[in-house]
Amino acid sequence: MARRDGAGRPETPGDGAVRRAAAVTAVVVAGPPGGGKSTVAGRLARLAAAGGRPLAVLDQDSMTGPLTRVLTRQLGRPDDLDDPRVRSLVREPAYAALLAVAVDVLSGGAGCLLIAPFTGERREPLRWRGLEERLRVAGAGRVALVWVTCPPGILVERLRERGAPRDDAKLADPAWVRGLDLDPPAVPHLRVDSAAPAADLDRRLAEVAAALTAAPAG
């Protein structure tokens, strides 16, 4: 039996291609360092794949970290990503690399999760709209922001436990902890508390994955 569209008309092969393209999703997974972004994104990716709508995981740290560490060593600040000189040199290229790969993935007809703090984009609606538009032009039928957060005490504890050299400067500076921006994004988003009890977190991730991978209406 021929597949029918939302108006009850028979679909042509071209209609099916358009419908599949519209279902491609780009998910921006944002939050503070140590907040649980990578863990949450990995679990969302597995849930999406289990539902038949896989999402490629694009982690900014994994993609740009090795090159960034070369630069920090050249500047005499090994692994200190919070050094003002390092930040001024690497932030824009690191985000450009992440977005370029996301555009390639979306242009190929696949969905993706982009993992990075995205501090400016979540604070400023105009910057968020610019990011959203770029992802849509590349082929995303849906663009969503997942905000991953947790209480500051737990966040600091996680940074200590993971023992990454890039966190040393943060943990040595009490002002960094006091200045953490844990306010919710100023744009529509799906919130995930990564410190929630296991059962609650499982339930929330299932809800978020369902929202992200639901087929478009019509």
N, C-alpha and C. Protein backbone atom coordinates (compact mmCIF):
# COMPACT_ATOMS: atom_id res chain seq x y z
N MET A 1 0.84 -1.19 0.00
CA MET A 1 0.00 0.00 0.00
C MET A 1 0.89 1.25 0.00
N ALA A 2 0.54 2.22 -0.84
CA ALA A 2 1.35 3.43 -0.93
C ALA A 2 1.27 4.22 0.37
N ARG A 3 2.42 4.78 0.78
CA ARG A 3 2.45 5.64 1.96
C ARG A 3 1.75 6.94 1.63
N ARG A 4 1.00 7.48 2.63
CA ARG A 4 0.27 8.72 2.41
C ARG A 4 0.79 9.82 3.30
N ASP A 5 0.73 11.07 2.80
CA ASP A 5 1.22 12.20 3.59
C ASP A 5 0.15 12.63 4.59
N GLY A 6 0.41 13.75 5.31
CA GLY A 6 -0.50 14.20 6.35
C GLY A 6 -1.88 14.57 5.84
N ALA A 7 -2.01 14.90 4.55
CA ALA A 7 -3.30 15.25 3.97
C ALA A 7 -3.99 14.05 3.35
N GLY A 8 -3.41 12.87 3.46
CA GLY A 8 -4.02 11.67 2.92
C GLY A 8 -3.67 11.40 1.47
N ARG A 9 -2.79 12.23 0.88
CA ARG A 9 -2.40 12.02 -0.51
C ARG A 9 -1.28 10.99 -0.60
N PRO A 10 -1.24 10.19 -1.65
CA PRO A 10 -0.12 9.24 -1.82
C PRO A 10 1.20 10.00 -1.93
N GLU A 11 2.23 9.50 -1.24
CA GLU A 11 3.56 10.12 -1.32
C GLU A 11 4.29 9.63 -2.55
N THR A 12 5.05 10.52 -3.16
CA THR A 12 5.96 10.13 -4.22
C THR A 12 7.31 9.84 -3.59
N PRO A 13 8.25 9.21 -4.31
CA PRO A 13 9.59 8.98 -3.75
C PRO A 13 10.25 10.27 -3.30
N GLY A 14 10.06 11.36 -4.03
CA GLY A 14 10.65 12.63 -3.63
C GLY A 14 10.08 13.14 -2.33
N ASP A 15 8.78 12.92 -2.09
CA ASP A 15 8.17 13.35 -0.84
C ASP A 15 8.84 12.66 0.34
N GLY A 16 9.15 11.37 0.19
CA GLY A 16 9.78 10.65 1.28
C GLY A 16 11.15 11.22 1.62
N ALA A 17 11.90 11.61 0.59
CA ALA A 17 13.22 12.18 0.83
C ALA A 17 13.11 13.49 1.59
N VAL A 18 12.13 14.32 1.22
CA VAL A 18 11.93 15.59 1.92
C VAL A 18 11.53 15.34 3.36
N ARG A 19 10.66 14.36 3.59
CA ARG A 19 10.22 14.06 4.95
C ARG A 19 11.38 13.59 5.80
N ARG A 20 12.25 12.74 5.25
CA ARG A 20 13.40 12.26 6.00
C ARG A 20 14.36 13.40 6.33
N ALA A 21 14.56 14.30 5.35
CA ALA A 21 15.46 15.43 5.60
C ALA A 21 14.93 16.31 6.71
N ALA A 22 13.62 16.54 6.72
CA ALA A 22 13.02 17.40 7.75
C ALA A 22 13.18 16.80 9.14
N ALA A 23 13.37 15.47 9.20
CA ALA A 23 13.49 14.82 10.51
C ALA A 23 14.90 14.91 11.07
N VAL A 24 15.87 15.37 10.29
CA VAL A 24 17.25 15.45 10.78
C VAL A 24 17.33 16.50 11.89
N THR A 25 17.96 16.12 12.98
CA THR A 25 18.01 16.98 14.16
C THR A 25 19.43 17.37 14.50
N ALA A 26 19.62 18.63 14.89
CA ALA A 26 20.88 19.10 15.46
C ALA A 26 20.61 19.49 16.90
N VAL A 27 21.35 18.89 17.81
CA VAL A 27 21.16 19.12 19.24
C VAL A 27 22.41 19.78 19.81
N VAL A 28 22.26 20.96 20.36
CA VAL A 28 23.36 21.66 21.02
C VAL A 28 23.30 21.29 22.50
N VAL A 29 24.34 20.63 22.99
CA VAL A 29 24.40 20.21 24.39
C VAL A 29 25.38 21.15 25.09
N ALA A 30 24.83 22.05 25.90
CA ALA A 30 25.62 23.12 26.51
C ALA A 30 25.60 23.00 28.03
N GLY A 31 26.58 23.66 28.66
CA GLY A 31 26.63 23.65 30.12
C GLY A 31 28.03 23.98 30.59
N PRO A 32 28.21 24.14 31.88
CA PRO A 32 29.53 24.49 32.42
C PRO A 32 30.50 23.32 32.38
N PRO A 33 31.81 23.60 32.48
CA PRO A 33 32.80 22.51 32.55
C PRO A 33 32.51 21.62 33.75
N GLY A 34 32.54 20.30 33.51
CA GLY A 34 32.27 19.36 34.59
C GLY A 34 30.80 19.14 34.87
N GLY A 35 29.95 19.78 34.09
CA GLY A 35 28.51 19.66 34.36
C GLY A 35 27.90 18.34 33.92
N GLY A 36 28.61 17.59 33.09
CA GLY A 36 28.09 16.30 32.63
C GLY A 36 27.63 16.30 31.18
N LYS A 37 28.08 17.29 30.39
CA LYS A 37 27.64 17.39 29.00
C LYS A 37 27.93 16.12 28.20
N SER A 38 29.18 15.66 28.26
CA SER A 38 29.57 14.51 27.43
C SER A 38 28.82 13.25 27.84
N THR A 39 28.64 13.05 29.14
CA THR A 39 27.92 11.87 29.61
C THR A 39 26.47 11.91 29.16
N VAL A 40 25.83 13.06 29.34
CA VAL A 40 24.43 13.20 28.93
C VAL A 40 24.30 13.03 27.42
N ALA A 41 25.19 13.66 26.65
CA ALA A 41 25.11 13.54 25.20
C ALA A 41 25.28 12.09 24.74
N GLY A 42 26.21 11.38 25.38
CA GLY A 42 26.40 9.98 25.02
C GLY A 42 25.16 9.13 25.28
N ARG A 43 24.52 9.39 26.41
CA ARG A 43 23.30 8.63 26.71
C ARG A 43 22.16 8.99 25.77
N LEU A 44 22.05 10.28 25.43
CA LEU A 44 21.01 10.69 24.47
C LEU A 44 21.27 10.06 23.10
N ALA A 45 22.54 9.98 22.71
CA ALA A 45 22.86 9.36 21.42
C ALA A 45 22.46 7.89 21.40
N ARG A 46 22.70 7.18 22.49
CA ARG A 46 22.32 5.76 22.53
C ARG A 46 20.80 5.60 22.51
N LEU A 47 20.09 6.47 23.22
CA LEU A 47 18.63 6.40 23.20
C LEU A 47 18.09 6.72 21.81
N ALA A 48 18.67 7.72 21.16
CA ALA A 48 18.21 8.08 19.82
C ALA A 48 18.47 6.95 18.83
N ALA A 49 19.64 6.30 18.95
CA ALA A 49 19.96 5.19 18.05
C ALA A 49 19.00 4.02 18.28
N ALA A 50 18.68 3.78 19.54
CA ALA A 50 17.75 2.69 19.85
C ALA A 50 16.38 2.97 19.26
N GLY A 51 16.04 4.25 19.13
CA GLY A 51 14.76 4.63 18.53
C GLY A 51 14.81 4.75 17.02
N GLY A 52 15.93 4.39 16.41
CA GLY A 52 16.03 4.41 14.96
C GLY A 52 16.39 5.76 14.36
N ARG A 53 16.81 6.72 15.19
CA ARG A 53 17.21 8.03 14.67
C ARG A 53 18.57 8.41 15.24
N PRO A 54 19.62 7.77 14.77
CA PRO A 54 20.96 7.99 15.35
C PRO A 54 21.44 9.43 15.18
N LEU A 55 22.22 9.88 16.16
CA LEU A 55 22.81 11.21 16.15
C LEU A 55 24.32 11.08 16.34
N ALA A 56 25.10 11.68 15.46
CA ALA A 56 26.55 11.67 15.61
C ALA A 56 26.94 12.55 16.79
N VAL A 57 27.89 12.10 17.59
CA VAL A 57 28.35 12.84 18.76
C VAL A 57 29.60 13.65 18.37
N LEU A 58 29.49 14.97 18.44
CA LEU A 58 30.58 15.87 18.08
C LEU A 58 30.99 16.64 19.34
N ASP A 59 32.07 16.20 19.96
CA ASP A 59 32.54 16.78 21.22
C ASP A 59 33.70 17.74 20.93
N GLN A 60 33.51 19.00 21.28
CA GLN A 60 34.55 19.99 20.99
C GLN A 60 35.89 19.62 21.63
N ASP A 61 35.87 19.13 22.87
CA ASP A 61 37.12 18.75 23.53
C ASP A 61 37.86 17.67 22.75
N SER A 62 37.12 16.66 22.28
CA SER A 62 37.76 15.57 21.54
C SER A 62 38.29 16.05 20.19
N MET A 63 37.56 16.97 19.56
CA MET A 63 37.92 17.41 18.21
C MET A 63 39.09 18.38 18.20
N THR A 64 39.15 19.27 19.19
CA THR A 64 40.15 20.34 19.14
C THR A 64 41.18 20.27 20.27
N GLY A 65 40.95 19.40 21.27
CA GLY A 65 41.83 19.34 22.42
C GLY A 65 43.29 19.08 22.08
N PRO A 66 43.61 18.10 21.24
CA PRO A 66 45.03 17.83 20.95
C PRO A 66 45.76 19.03 20.36
N LEU A 67 45.11 19.73 19.43
CA LEU A 67 45.76 20.91 18.83
C LEU A 67 45.85 22.05 19.84
N THR A 68 44.83 22.20 20.68
CA THR A 68 44.86 23.26 21.68
C THR A 68 45.99 23.04 22.67
N ARG A 69 46.24 21.78 23.03
CA ARG A 69 47.33 21.49 23.96
C ARG A 69 48.69 21.82 23.36
N VAL A 70 48.83 21.65 22.06
CA VAL A 70 50.08 22.05 21.41
C VAL A 70 50.30 23.55 21.59
N LEU A 71 49.23 24.31 21.40
CA LEU A 71 49.34 25.76 21.53
C LEU A 71 49.66 26.18 22.96
N THR A 72 49.00 25.56 23.94
CA THR A 72 49.26 25.95 25.33
C THR A 72 50.71 25.67 25.71
N ARG A 73 51.27 24.57 25.18
CA ARG A 73 52.68 24.28 25.46
C ARG A 73 53.60 25.32 24.81
N GLN A 74 53.25 25.73 23.59
CA GLN A 74 54.06 26.73 22.91
C GLN A 74 54.05 28.06 23.66
N LEU A 75 52.94 28.35 24.34
CA LEU A 75 52.82 29.60 25.10
C LEU A 75 53.38 29.46 26.51
N GLY A 76 53.89 28.29 26.85
CA GLY A 76 54.42 28.08 28.19
C GLY A 76 53.35 27.93 29.25
N ARG A 77 52.12 27.59 28.83
CA ARG A 77 51.01 27.41 29.76
C ARG A 77 50.38 26.04 29.52
N PRO A 78 51.10 24.96 29.74
CA PRO A 78 50.59 23.62 29.42
C PRO A 78 49.21 23.36 30.01
N ASP A 79 48.25 23.08 29.14
CA ASP A 79 46.88 22.68 29.52
C ASP A 79 46.09 23.76 30.24
N ASP A 80 46.60 25.00 30.30
CA ASP A 80 45.86 26.07 30.97
C ASP A 80 44.96 26.76 29.95
N LEU A 81 43.76 26.22 29.74
CA LEU A 81 42.84 26.78 28.76
C LEU A 81 42.20 28.07 29.24
N ASP A 82 42.36 28.41 30.52
CA ASP A 82 41.76 29.63 31.05
C ASP A 82 42.70 30.82 30.99
N ASP A 83 43.94 30.60 30.56
CA ASP A 83 44.86 31.71 30.37
C ASP A 83 44.25 32.65 29.31
N PRO A 84 44.18 33.96 29.58
CA PRO A 84 43.55 34.88 28.63
C PRO A 84 44.14 34.81 27.23
N ARG A 85 45.47 34.59 27.13
CA ARG A 85 46.08 34.50 25.80
C ARG A 85 45.57 33.28 25.06
N VAL A 86 45.43 32.17 25.78
CA VAL A 86 44.95 30.95 25.14
C VAL A 86 43.50 31.12 24.70
N ARG A 87 42.67 31.64 25.60
CA ARG A 87 41.25 31.82 25.27
C ARG A 87 41.08 32.71 24.03
N SER A 88 41.85 33.80 23.99
CA SER A 88 41.68 34.74 22.88
C SER A 88 42.09 34.11 21.54
N LEU A 89 43.00 33.14 21.59
CA LEU A 89 43.48 32.52 20.36
C LEU A 89 42.65 31.33 19.91
N VAL A 90 42.11 30.56 20.85
CA VAL A 90 41.52 29.27 20.47
C VAL A 90 40.00 29.23 20.44
N ARG A 91 39.31 30.16 21.15
CA ARG A 91 37.86 30.00 21.25
C ARG A 91 37.19 29.99 19.87
N GLU A 92 37.44 31.02 19.08
CA GLU A 92 36.75 31.09 17.79
C GLU A 92 37.13 29.95 16.86
N PRO A 93 38.42 29.61 16.72
CA PRO A 93 38.75 28.46 15.85
C PRO A 93 38.17 27.15 16.36
N ALA A 94 38.12 26.96 17.69
CA ALA A 94 37.58 25.71 18.23
C ALA A 94 36.09 25.57 17.90
N TYR A 95 35.35 26.66 18.07
CA TYR A 95 33.92 26.60 17.72
C TYR A 95 33.74 26.50 16.21
N ALA A 96 34.59 27.16 15.45
CA ALA A 96 34.49 27.07 13.99
C ALA A 96 34.69 25.63 13.52
N ALA A 97 35.66 24.93 14.14
CA ALA A 97 35.90 23.53 13.76
C ALA A 97 34.69 22.67 14.09
N LEU A 98 34.14 22.86 15.30
CA LEU A 98 32.97 22.08 15.71
C LEU A 98 31.81 22.30 14.75
N LEU A 99 31.54 23.57 14.42
CA LEU A 99 30.41 23.87 13.55
C LEU A 99 30.65 23.40 12.12
N ALA A 100 31.89 23.47 11.66
CA ALA A 100 32.18 22.99 10.31
C ALA A 100 31.90 21.50 10.18
N VAL A 101 32.28 20.72 11.18
CA VAL A 101 32.00 19.28 11.14
C VAL A 101 30.50 19.04 11.24
N ALA A 102 29.81 19.80 12.09
CA ALA A 102 28.35 19.64 12.20
C ALA A 102 27.68 19.93 10.86
N VAL A 103 28.13 20.97 10.17
CA VAL A 103 27.58 21.29 8.86
C VAL A 103 27.81 20.15 7.88
N ASP A 104 29.00 19.56 7.90
CA ASP A 104 29.28 18.42 7.03
C ASP A 104 28.34 17.25 7.32
N VAL A 105 28.15 16.97 8.62
CA VAL A 105 27.28 15.85 9.00
C VAL A 105 25.85 16.10 8.55
N LEU A 106 25.34 17.30 8.84
CA LEU A 106 23.96 17.63 8.48
C LEU A 106 23.78 17.66 6.97
N SER A 107 24.77 18.17 6.26
CA SER A 107 24.68 18.22 4.79
C SER A 107 24.62 16.82 4.19
N GLY A 108 25.18 15.85 4.91
CA GLY A 108 25.13 14.46 4.45
C GLY A 108 23.85 13.75 4.83
N GLY A 109 22.94 14.46 5.49
CA GLY A 109 21.64 13.88 5.82
C GLY A 109 21.57 13.18 7.16
N ALA A 110 22.55 13.41 8.04
CA ALA A 110 22.54 12.79 9.36
C ALA A 110 22.39 13.85 10.44
N GLY A 111 21.82 13.44 11.57
CA GLY A 111 21.69 14.34 12.71
C GLY A 111 22.92 14.31 13.59
N CYS A 112 23.02 15.25 14.52
CA CYS A 112 24.21 15.30 15.36
C CYS A 112 23.94 16.01 16.68
N LEU A 113 24.82 15.73 17.65
CA LEU A 113 24.87 16.43 18.93
C LEU A 113 26.17 17.21 18.98
N LEU A 114 26.10 18.50 19.29
CA LEU A 114 27.28 19.34 19.40
C LEU A 114 27.52 19.63 20.88
N ILE A 115 28.69 19.23 21.39
CA ILE A 115 28.98 19.37 22.82
C ILE A 115 30.03 20.45 23.04
N ALA A 116 29.65 21.51 23.75
CA ALA A 116 30.57 22.60 24.10
C ALA A 116 29.83 23.51 25.07
N PRO A 117 30.53 24.39 25.77
CA PRO A 117 29.83 25.29 26.71
C PRO A 117 28.81 26.20 26.03
N PHE A 118 29.10 26.71 24.83
CA PHE A 118 28.19 27.62 24.12
C PHE A 118 27.67 28.73 25.04
N THR A 119 28.58 29.33 25.80
CA THR A 119 28.19 30.32 26.80
C THR A 119 27.52 31.53 26.16
N GLY A 120 28.13 32.09 25.13
CA GLY A 120 27.55 33.26 24.49
C GLY A 120 26.22 32.96 23.83
N GLU A 121 26.12 31.80 23.18
CA GLU A 121 24.90 31.45 22.46
C GLU A 121 23.72 31.23 23.40
N ARG A 122 23.97 30.69 24.58
CA ARG A 122 22.85 30.45 25.49
C ARG A 122 22.47 31.72 26.25
N ARG A 123 23.39 32.67 26.36
CA ARG A 123 23.09 33.92 27.06
C ARG A 123 22.40 34.94 26.16
N GLU A 124 22.73 34.92 24.87
CA GLU A 124 22.30 35.98 23.97
C GLU A 124 21.41 35.41 22.85
N PRO A 125 20.12 35.73 22.87
CA PRO A 125 19.21 35.19 21.85
C PRO A 125 19.65 35.46 20.42
N LEU A 126 20.27 36.61 20.16
CA LEU A 126 20.69 36.91 18.79
C LEU A 126 21.77 35.94 18.33
N ARG A 127 22.72 35.64 19.22
CA ARG A 127 23.76 34.68 18.86
C ARG A 127 23.19 33.28 18.71
N TRP A 128 22.23 32.92 19.54
CA TRP A 128 21.58 31.62 19.39
C TRP A 128 20.88 31.51 18.05
N ARG A 129 20.17 32.57 17.65
CA ARG A 129 19.47 32.52 16.37
C ARG A 129 20.44 32.38 15.21
N GLY A 130 21.62 33.02 15.33
CA GLY A 130 22.62 32.85 14.28
C GLY A 130 23.11 31.43 14.17
N LEU A 131 23.36 30.79 15.32
CA LEU A 131 23.78 29.38 15.33
C LEU A 131 22.68 28.49 14.78
N GLU A 132 21.46 28.72 15.24
CA GLU A 132 20.33 27.92 14.79
C GLU A 132 20.15 28.03 13.27
N GLU A 133 20.27 29.23 12.74
CA GLU A 133 20.09 29.42 11.31
C GLU A 133 21.18 28.69 10.52
N ARG A 134 22.40 28.74 11.01
CA ARG A 134 23.49 28.05 10.30
C ARG A 134 23.23 26.55 10.25
N LEU A 135 22.76 25.99 11.34
CA LEU A 135 22.49 24.55 11.37
C LEU A 135 21.30 24.20 10.48
N ARG A 136 20.30 25.07 10.45
CA ARG A 136 19.14 24.80 9.59
C ARG A 136 19.52 24.88 8.11
N VAL A 137 20.32 25.87 7.76
CA VAL A 137 20.76 25.99 6.37
C VAL A 137 21.53 24.74 5.94
N ALA A 138 22.26 24.15 6.88
CA ALA A 138 23.04 22.95 6.57
C ALA A 138 22.17 21.71 6.40
N GLY A 139 20.92 21.79 6.84
CA GLY A 139 20.03 20.64 6.65
C GLY A 139 19.24 20.19 7.86
N ALA A 140 19.39 20.85 9.00
CA ALA A 140 18.65 20.44 10.20
C ALA A 140 17.19 20.88 10.10
N GLY A 141 16.29 19.93 10.21
CA GLY A 141 14.87 20.26 10.27
C GLY A 141 14.44 20.68 11.65
N ARG A 142 15.24 20.30 12.64
CA ARG A 142 14.97 20.65 14.04
C ARG A 142 16.29 21.01 14.69
N VAL A 143 16.34 22.11 15.45
CA VAL A 143 17.52 22.50 16.23
C VAL A 143 17.06 22.69 17.66
N ALA A 144 17.73 22.04 18.59
CA ALA A 144 17.32 22.11 19.99
C ALA A 144 18.53 22.36 20.88
N LEU A 145 18.28 23.01 22.00
CA LEU A 145 19.31 23.24 23.01
C LEU A 145 19.01 22.41 24.24
N VAL A 146 19.96 21.58 24.64
CA VAL A 146 19.86 20.82 25.89
C VAL A 146 20.82 21.46 26.88
N TRP A 147 20.29 21.93 28.00
CA TRP A 147 21.09 22.61 29.03
C TRP A 147 21.36 21.61 30.14
N VAL A 148 22.64 21.26 30.30
CA VAL A 148 23.05 20.28 31.31
C VAL A 148 23.67 21.04 32.48
N THR A 149 23.13 20.84 33.66
CA THR A 149 23.61 21.58 34.81
C THR A 149 23.60 20.70 36.05
N CYS A 150 24.20 21.21 37.13
CA CYS A 150 24.20 20.54 38.43
C CYS A 150 24.62 21.57 39.47
N PRO A 151 24.43 21.30 40.76
CA PRO A 151 24.84 22.24 41.80
C PRO A 151 26.35 22.50 41.75
N PRO A 152 26.79 23.72 42.12
CA PRO A 152 28.21 24.06 42.02
C PRO A 152 29.12 23.14 42.83
N GLY A 153 28.68 22.71 44.01
CA GLY A 153 29.53 21.84 44.81
C GLY A 153 29.81 20.52 44.11
N ILE A 154 28.80 19.96 43.48
CA ILE A 154 28.98 18.70 42.75
C ILE A 154 29.86 18.92 41.53
N LEU A 155 29.69 20.06 40.87
CA LEU A 155 30.49 20.36 39.70
C LEU A 155 31.98 20.40 40.06
N VAL A 156 32.32 21.10 41.15
CA VAL A 156 33.72 21.19 41.57
C VAL A 156 34.25 19.81 41.95
N GLU A 157 33.43 19.02 42.63
CA GLU A 157 33.85 17.67 43.01
C GLU A 157 34.15 16.83 41.77
N ARG A 158 33.34 16.96 40.74
CA ARG A 158 33.58 16.20 39.51
C ARG A 158 34.89 16.63 38.84
N LEU A 159 35.14 17.94 38.83
CA LEU A 159 36.38 18.41 38.22
C LEU A 159 37.59 17.82 38.95
N ARG A 160 37.51 17.77 40.28
CA ARG A 160 38.62 17.20 41.04
C ARG A 160 38.77 15.71 40.73
N GLU A 161 37.65 15.01 40.64
CA GLU A 161 37.69 13.56 40.43
C GLU A 161 38.25 13.20 39.05
N ARG A 162 37.92 14.00 38.03
CA ARG A 162 38.40 13.62 36.71
C ARG A 162 39.89 13.92 36.53
N GLY A 163 40.43 14.81 37.36
CA GLY A 163 41.87 15.03 37.39
C GLY A 163 42.49 15.48 36.09
N ALA A 164 41.75 16.22 35.27
CA ALA A 164 42.28 16.69 34.00
C ALA A 164 43.17 17.92 34.22
N PRO A 165 44.37 17.93 33.65
CA PRO A 165 45.25 19.09 33.83
C PRO A 165 44.60 20.41 33.44
N ARG A 166 43.68 20.37 32.45
CA ARG A 166 43.06 21.62 32.01
C ARG A 166 42.18 22.25 33.08
N ASP A 167 41.84 21.48 34.13
CA ASP A 167 41.00 22.01 35.20
C ASP A 167 41.80 22.58 36.36
N ASP A 168 43.12 22.40 36.37
CA ASP A 168 43.92 22.80 37.52
C ASP A 168 43.78 24.29 37.82
N ALA A 169 43.84 25.12 36.79
CA ALA A 169 43.76 26.56 37.02
C ALA A 169 42.40 26.97 37.57
N LYS A 170 41.36 26.31 37.10
CA LYS A 170 40.02 26.61 37.61
C LYS A 170 39.93 26.29 39.10
N LEU A 171 40.36 25.10 39.46
CA LEU A 171 40.22 24.65 40.84
C LEU A 171 41.12 25.45 41.79
N ALA A 172 42.19 26.02 41.29
CA ALA A 172 43.09 26.80 42.13
C ALA A 172 42.61 28.22 42.34
N ASP A 173 41.55 28.60 41.64
CA ASP A 173 41.06 29.99 41.70
C ASP A 173 39.66 30.02 42.31
N PRO A 174 39.52 30.41 43.59
CA PRO A 174 38.19 30.47 44.22
C PRO A 174 37.23 31.38 43.46
N ALA A 175 37.77 32.40 42.81
CA ALA A 175 36.90 33.33 42.08
C ALA A 175 36.22 32.63 40.91
N TRP A 176 36.87 31.60 40.34
CA TRP A 176 36.26 30.89 39.23
C TRP A 176 34.97 30.20 39.68
N VAL A 177 35.03 29.56 40.83
CA VAL A 177 33.85 28.87 41.35
C VAL A 177 32.74 29.87 41.65
N ARG A 178 33.10 30.98 42.30
CA ARG A 178 32.09 31.99 42.64
C ARG A 178 31.48 32.61 41.39
N GLY A 179 32.26 32.67 40.33
CA GLY A 179 31.77 33.30 39.11
C GLY A 179 31.10 32.36 38.12
N LEU A 180 30.89 31.12 38.51
CA LEU A 180 30.25 30.17 37.60
C LEU A 180 28.87 30.68 37.17
N ASP A 181 28.64 30.62 35.89
CA ASP A 181 27.34 31.02 35.35
C ASP A 181 26.46 29.77 35.22
N LEU A 182 25.61 29.59 36.21
CA LEU A 182 24.70 28.44 36.19
C LEU A 182 23.26 28.87 35.95
N ASP A 183 23.08 30.11 35.50
CA ASP A 183 21.73 30.58 35.18
C ASP A 183 21.22 29.84 33.95
N PRO A 184 19.92 29.59 33.87
CA PRO A 184 19.38 28.89 32.69
C PRO A 184 19.54 29.73 31.44
N PRO A 185 19.58 29.10 30.29
CA PRO A 185 19.71 29.85 29.03
C PRO A 185 18.58 30.84 28.83
N ALA A 186 18.88 31.88 28.07
CA ALA A 186 17.88 32.92 27.77
C ALA A 186 17.07 32.58 26.54
N VAL A 187 17.20 31.35 26.05
CA VAL A 187 16.47 30.89 24.86
C VAL A 187 15.78 29.57 25.20
N PRO A 188 14.79 29.14 24.42
CA PRO A 188 14.11 27.88 24.71
C PRO A 188 15.10 26.72 24.80
N HIS A 189 14.88 25.84 25.78
CA HIS A 189 15.82 24.75 26.00
C HIS A 189 15.16 23.61 26.76
N LEU A 190 15.84 22.48 26.76
CA LEU A 190 15.45 21.31 27.55
C LEU A 190 16.48 21.15 28.66
N ARG A 191 16.05 21.21 29.90
CA ARG A 191 16.97 21.18 31.03
C ARG A 191 17.19 19.75 31.51
N VAL A 192 18.45 19.41 31.79
CA VAL A 192 18.80 18.12 32.38
C VAL A 192 19.67 18.38 33.60
N ASP A 193 19.22 17.94 34.77
CA ASP A 193 20.03 18.01 35.99
C ASP A 193 20.83 16.73 36.08
N SER A 194 22.12 16.82 35.78
CA SER A 194 22.94 15.62 35.73
C SER A 194 23.22 15.03 37.10
N ALA A 195 22.86 15.77 38.17
CA ALA A 195 23.06 15.26 39.52
C ALA A 195 21.78 14.68 40.11
N ALA A 196 20.74 14.59 39.31
CA ALA A 196 19.47 14.04 39.80
C ALA A 196 19.65 12.56 40.16
N PRO A 197 18.81 12.04 41.07
CA PRO A 197 18.85 10.60 41.37
C PRO A 197 18.74 9.79 40.09
N ALA A 198 19.36 8.62 40.10
CA ALA A 198 19.49 7.82 38.88
C ALA A 198 18.16 7.58 38.17
N ALA A 199 17.13 7.22 38.92
CA ALA A 199 15.83 6.94 38.29
C ALA A 199 15.25 8.20 37.65
N ASP A 200 15.39 9.33 38.35
CA ASP A 200 14.88 10.59 37.80
C ASP A 200 15.66 10.99 36.55
N LEU A 201 16.97 10.80 36.59
CA LEU A 201 17.78 11.15 35.43
C LEU A 201 17.44 10.25 34.24
N ASP A 202 17.27 8.97 34.48
CA ASP A 202 16.89 8.05 33.41
C ASP A 202 15.57 8.49 32.77
N ARG A 203 14.62 8.86 33.61
CA ARG A 203 13.31 9.28 33.11
C ARG A 203 13.42 10.56 32.29
N ARG A 204 14.20 11.50 32.80
CA ARG A 204 14.34 12.77 32.09
C ARG A 204 15.05 12.58 30.76
N LEU A 205 16.08 11.78 30.72
CA LEU A 205 16.79 11.55 29.46
C LEU A 205 15.89 10.87 28.44
N ALA A 206 15.05 9.95 28.90
CA ALA A 206 14.11 9.30 27.98
C ALA A 206 13.13 10.32 27.41
N GLU A 207 12.67 11.26 28.27
CA GLU A 207 11.76 12.31 27.81
C GLU A 207 12.44 13.21 26.78
N VAL A 208 13.66 13.60 27.08
CA VAL A 208 14.38 14.50 26.17
C VAL A 208 14.67 13.80 24.85
N ALA A 209 15.11 12.56 24.90
CA ALA A 209 15.39 11.82 23.67
C ALA A 209 14.13 11.67 22.82
N ALA A 210 13.01 11.41 23.47
CA ALA A 210 11.76 11.28 22.72
C ALA A 210 11.38 12.60 22.04
N ALA A 211 11.59 13.71 22.77
CA ALA A 211 11.28 15.02 22.18
C ALA A 211 12.20 15.35 21.01
N LEU A 212 13.45 14.95 21.12
CA LEU A 212 14.43 15.28 20.08
C LEU A 212 14.26 14.44 18.82
N THR A 213 13.74 13.24 18.96
CA THR A 213 13.71 12.31 17.84
C THR A 213 12.30 12.05 17.31
N ALA A 214 11.31 12.73 17.85
CA ALA A 214 9.95 12.54 17.38
C ALA A 214 9.85 12.97 15.92
N ALA A 215 9.11 12.21 15.13
CA ALA A 215 8.93 12.55 13.72
C ALA A 215 8.13 13.86 13.60
N PRO A 216 8.47 14.69 12.64
CA PRO A 216 7.70 15.93 12.45
C PRO A 216 6.24 15.62 12.16
N ALA A 217 5.36 16.52 12.60
CA ALA A 217 3.92 16.32 12.33
C ALA A 217 3.66 16.49 10.85
N GLY A 218 2.67 15.75 10.37
CA GLY A 218 2.28 15.91 8.99
C GLY A 218 3.01 14.98 8.05
